[in-house]
Amino acid sequence: MPHRPAAVLSSRNLAAPRRILPHPSFSTSPFFNPSFAVTPVKPEELMFSKTHEWVHVDQATKTATVGLSAFALEALTDLVYVELPKVGRKVSAGESFGEIESVKAVSDIYSPVDGEVAASHGELADTLEVLKKDPYGEGWLVKMKLAGDKLPANLLSYAAYQKQCAEESH
């Protein structure tokens, strides 16, 4: 296994409110939307993959925001490393585009949609606690320009995803 750098933990007070600024590669993207970069969405508004990635689609800009579900992050426990794709990478639904490592395991992160990475949330490598604190907002992983007009048929609604999680918990 290749060497993975340990997460850099900040000494600042995490309870203090702060505005998260987007990673520089994100702000230079033509798909930059500063209001969504810090605005959480409700899980009920998302679609989920069977591998625990969530996707939120902005129909107006044909972009998708992708992250990991709270269920997946809870199962991973203590996170130590995340590797995300570079801007411009084209991925297909179901293709691995990154990795997340915890003290328990290294897991692939799969794309729930076809598209091109328009922004990668590289700041997460230094602030992994954001993933668990706000998985459906500041904890987004990538923003993608969708390749087509339709989402894959195998994506799950929130209710169907909750049912899958309940089954996996037994």
Protein backbone atom coordinates (compact mmCIF):
# COMPACT_ATOMS: atom_id res chain seq x y z
CA MET A 1 0.00 0.00 0.00
CA PRO A 2 1.41 3.44 -0.88
CA HIS A 3 2.27 5.81 1.94
CA ARG A 4 -0.62 8.06 2.89
CA PRO A 5 0.06 11.34 4.71
CA ALA A 6 -1.70 11.75 8.02
CA ALA A 7 -4.49 14.29 8.18
CA VAL A 8 -3.39 17.70 9.37
CA LEU A 9 -5.47 18.71 12.35
CA SER A 10 -5.90 22.38 13.05
CA SER A 11 -5.54 23.84 16.53
CA ARG A 12 -8.35 26.34 15.95
CA ASN A 13 -11.62 26.05 17.83
CA LEU A 14 -13.88 23.92 15.62
CA ALA A 15 -16.97 25.13 17.45
CA ALA A 16 -16.40 28.70 16.32
CA PRO A 17 -18.45 29.57 13.24
CA ARG A 18 -16.46 30.29 10.11
CA ARG A 19 -17.10 30.68 6.43
CA ILE A 20 -15.54 27.93 4.36
CA LEU A 21 -13.93 29.35 1.26
CA PRO A 22 -13.82 27.10 -1.77
CA HIS A 23 -10.58 25.49 -2.90
CA PRO A 24 -8.77 27.68 -5.50
CA SER A 25 -9.36 25.15 -8.29
CA PHE A 26 -13.08 25.39 -7.55
CA SER A 27 -13.31 29.16 -7.71
CA THR A 28 -11.67 29.28 -11.15
CA SER A 29 -14.11 26.76 -12.57
CA PRO A 30 -16.80 28.10 -14.92
CA PHE A 31 -19.31 26.15 -12.78
CA PHE A 32 -18.46 28.05 -9.57
CA ASN A 33 -21.54 28.77 -7.49
CA PRO A 34 -20.47 30.28 -4.15
CA SER A 35 -23.90 29.99 -2.56
CA PHE A 36 -24.04 26.23 -3.05
CA ALA A 37 -20.43 25.75 -1.93
CA VAL A 38 -21.49 26.48 1.66
CA THR A 39 -25.22 25.74 1.63
CA PRO A 40 -26.21 22.29 2.87
CA VAL A 41 -28.97 20.37 1.15
CA LYS A 42 -31.45 18.08 2.84
CA PRO A 43 -30.73 14.36 2.35
CA GLU A 44 -34.36 13.96 1.25
CA GLU A 45 -33.53 16.09 -1.84
CA LEU A 46 -30.64 13.84 -2.91
CA MET A 47 -30.21 10.66 -4.92
CA PHE A 48 -27.90 7.94 -3.61
CA SER A 49 -25.81 5.16 -5.09
CA LYS A 50 -25.72 1.69 -3.59
CA THR A 51 -22.07 2.40 -2.73
CA HIS A 52 -23.11 5.31 -0.45
CA GLU A 53 -22.30 8.34 -2.60
CA TRP A 54 -24.94 11.06 -2.85
CA VAL A 55 -25.64 13.35 -5.78
CA HIS A 56 -27.45 16.68 -6.04
CA VAL A 57 -28.19 17.94 -9.54
CA ASP A 58 -28.60 21.59 -10.46
CA GLN A 59 -30.77 21.33 -13.58
CA ALA A 60 -30.18 24.98 -14.54
CA THR A 61 -26.41 24.51 -14.92
CA LYS A 62 -26.41 20.74 -15.61
CA THR A 63 -23.94 20.22 -12.77
CA ALA A 64 -23.91 17.57 -10.08
CA THR A 65 -22.45 17.81 -6.61
CA VAL A 66 -21.23 14.50 -5.19
CA GLY A 67 -20.44 13.52 -1.61
CA LEU A 68 -20.45 10.59 0.81
CA SER A 69 -23.48 9.76 2.91
CA ALA A 70 -23.55 10.18 6.67
CA PHE A 71 -24.15 6.41 6.93
CA ALA A 72 -20.90 5.65 5.04
CA LEU A 73 -18.89 8.18 7.04
CA GLU A 74 -20.20 6.78 10.32
CA ALA A 75 -19.16 3.27 9.24
CA LEU A 76 -15.65 4.46 8.33
CA THR A 77 -15.10 6.05 11.77
CA ASP A 78 -11.78 7.90 12.12
CA LEU A 79 -10.78 9.36 8.74
CA VAL A 80 -7.10 9.87 7.95
CA TYR A 81 -6.86 10.58 4.21
CA VAL A 82 -8.92 11.44 1.12
CA GLU A 83 -7.80 11.44 -2.49
CA LEU A 84 -9.99 13.27 -5.00
CA PRO A 85 -9.76 13.55 -8.80
CA LYS A 86 -8.24 16.45 -10.69
CA VAL A 87 -10.44 19.00 -12.45
CA GLY A 88 -11.03 17.95 -16.06
CA ARG A 89 -11.10 14.21 -15.42
CA LYS A 90 -13.95 12.43 -17.22
CA VAL A 91 -15.67 9.66 -15.27
CA SER A 92 -18.50 7.24 -15.89
CA ALA A 93 -21.18 6.24 -13.41
CA GLY A 94 -19.86 3.42 -11.26
CA GLU A 95 -16.20 4.29 -11.94
CA SER A 96 -13.87 4.86 -9.00
CA PHE A 97 -12.59 8.44 -8.95
CA GLY A 98 -10.97 8.63 -5.52
CA GLU A 99 -10.25 6.98 -2.20
CA ILE A 100 -11.06 7.60 1.41
CA GLU A 101 -9.00 6.05 4.18
CA SER A 102 -9.91 5.51 7.79
CA VAL A 103 -8.12 3.69 10.55
CA LYS A 104 -10.28 0.69 9.57
CA ALA A 105 -9.92 0.52 5.77
CA VAL A 106 -9.28 2.18 2.44
CA SER A 107 -12.44 2.53 0.34
CA ASP A 108 -12.93 3.60 -3.25
CA ILE A 109 -15.22 6.54 -3.99
CA TYR A 110 -17.41 5.92 -7.04
CA SER A 111 -19.04 8.39 -9.36
CA PRO A 112 -22.83 8.13 -9.29
CA VAL A 113 -23.11 9.95 -12.66
CA ASP A 114 -21.35 10.34 -16.02
CA GLY A 115 -19.50 13.61 -16.43
CA GLU A 116 -16.39 15.73 -16.14
CA VAL A 117 -14.96 16.92 -12.84
CA ALA A 118 -15.47 20.69 -12.77
CA ALA A 119 -14.29 21.19 -9.17
CA SER A 120 -12.55 19.04 -6.62
CA HIS A 121 -12.84 19.93 -2.93
CA GLY A 122 -9.11 19.60 -2.24
CA GLU A 123 -9.42 21.53 1.03
CA LEU A 124 -10.91 18.38 2.60
CA ALA A 125 -7.48 16.73 2.79
CA ASP A 126 -6.62 19.19 5.57
CA THR A 127 -10.07 19.33 7.19
CA LEU A 128 -11.44 15.78 7.17
CA GLU A 129 -13.63 16.54 10.19
CA VAL A 130 -15.85 18.61 7.84
CA LEU A 131 -16.97 15.39 6.12
CA LYS A 132 -18.63 14.05 9.25
CA LYS A 133 -19.72 17.43 10.59
CA ASP A 134 -21.55 18.46 7.41
CA PRO A 135 -21.64 15.58 4.86
CA TYR A 136 -24.45 17.16 2.81
CA GLY A 137 -23.05 20.70 2.72
CA GLU A 138 -19.43 21.70 3.27
CA GLY A 139 -18.44 18.03 3.02
CA TRP A 140 -19.04 17.77 -0.74
CA LEU A 141 -16.30 15.98 -2.69
CA VAL A 142 -16.59 17.00 -6.35
CA LYS A 143 -18.76 19.05 -8.68
CA MET A 144 -19.29 17.58 -12.12
CA LYS A 145 -20.55 18.84 -15.45
CA LEU A 146 -23.07 16.17 -16.45
CA ALA A 147 -22.40 14.26 -19.67
CA GLY A 148 -26.07 13.75 -20.49
CA ASP A 149 -29.57 14.81 -19.58
CA LYS A 150 -30.55 11.69 -17.66
CA LEU A 151 -29.32 10.30 -14.36
CA PRO A 152 -28.50 6.59 -14.13
CA ALA A 153 -31.60 4.51 -13.38
CA ASN A 154 -29.90 2.70 -10.50
CA LEU A 155 -29.76 5.76 -8.23
CA LEU A 156 -31.88 5.48 -5.10
CA SER A 157 -34.30 7.96 -3.55
CA TYR A 158 -33.69 8.89 0.07
CA ALA A 159 -36.38 6.46 1.27
CA ALA A 160 -34.93 3.58 -0.77
CA TYR A 161 -31.43 4.42 0.44
CA GLN A 162 -32.60 4.47 4.08
CA LYS A 163 -34.09 1.00 3.54
CA GLN A 164 -30.76 -0.24 2.10
CA CYS A 165 -28.87 1.17 5.08
CA ALA A 166 -31.25 -0.49 7.53
CA GLU A 167 -30.70 -3.83 5.77
CA GLU A 168 -26.91 -3.39 5.89
CA SER A 169 -27.03 -2.61 9.59
CA HIS A 170 -28.44 -6.05 10.41
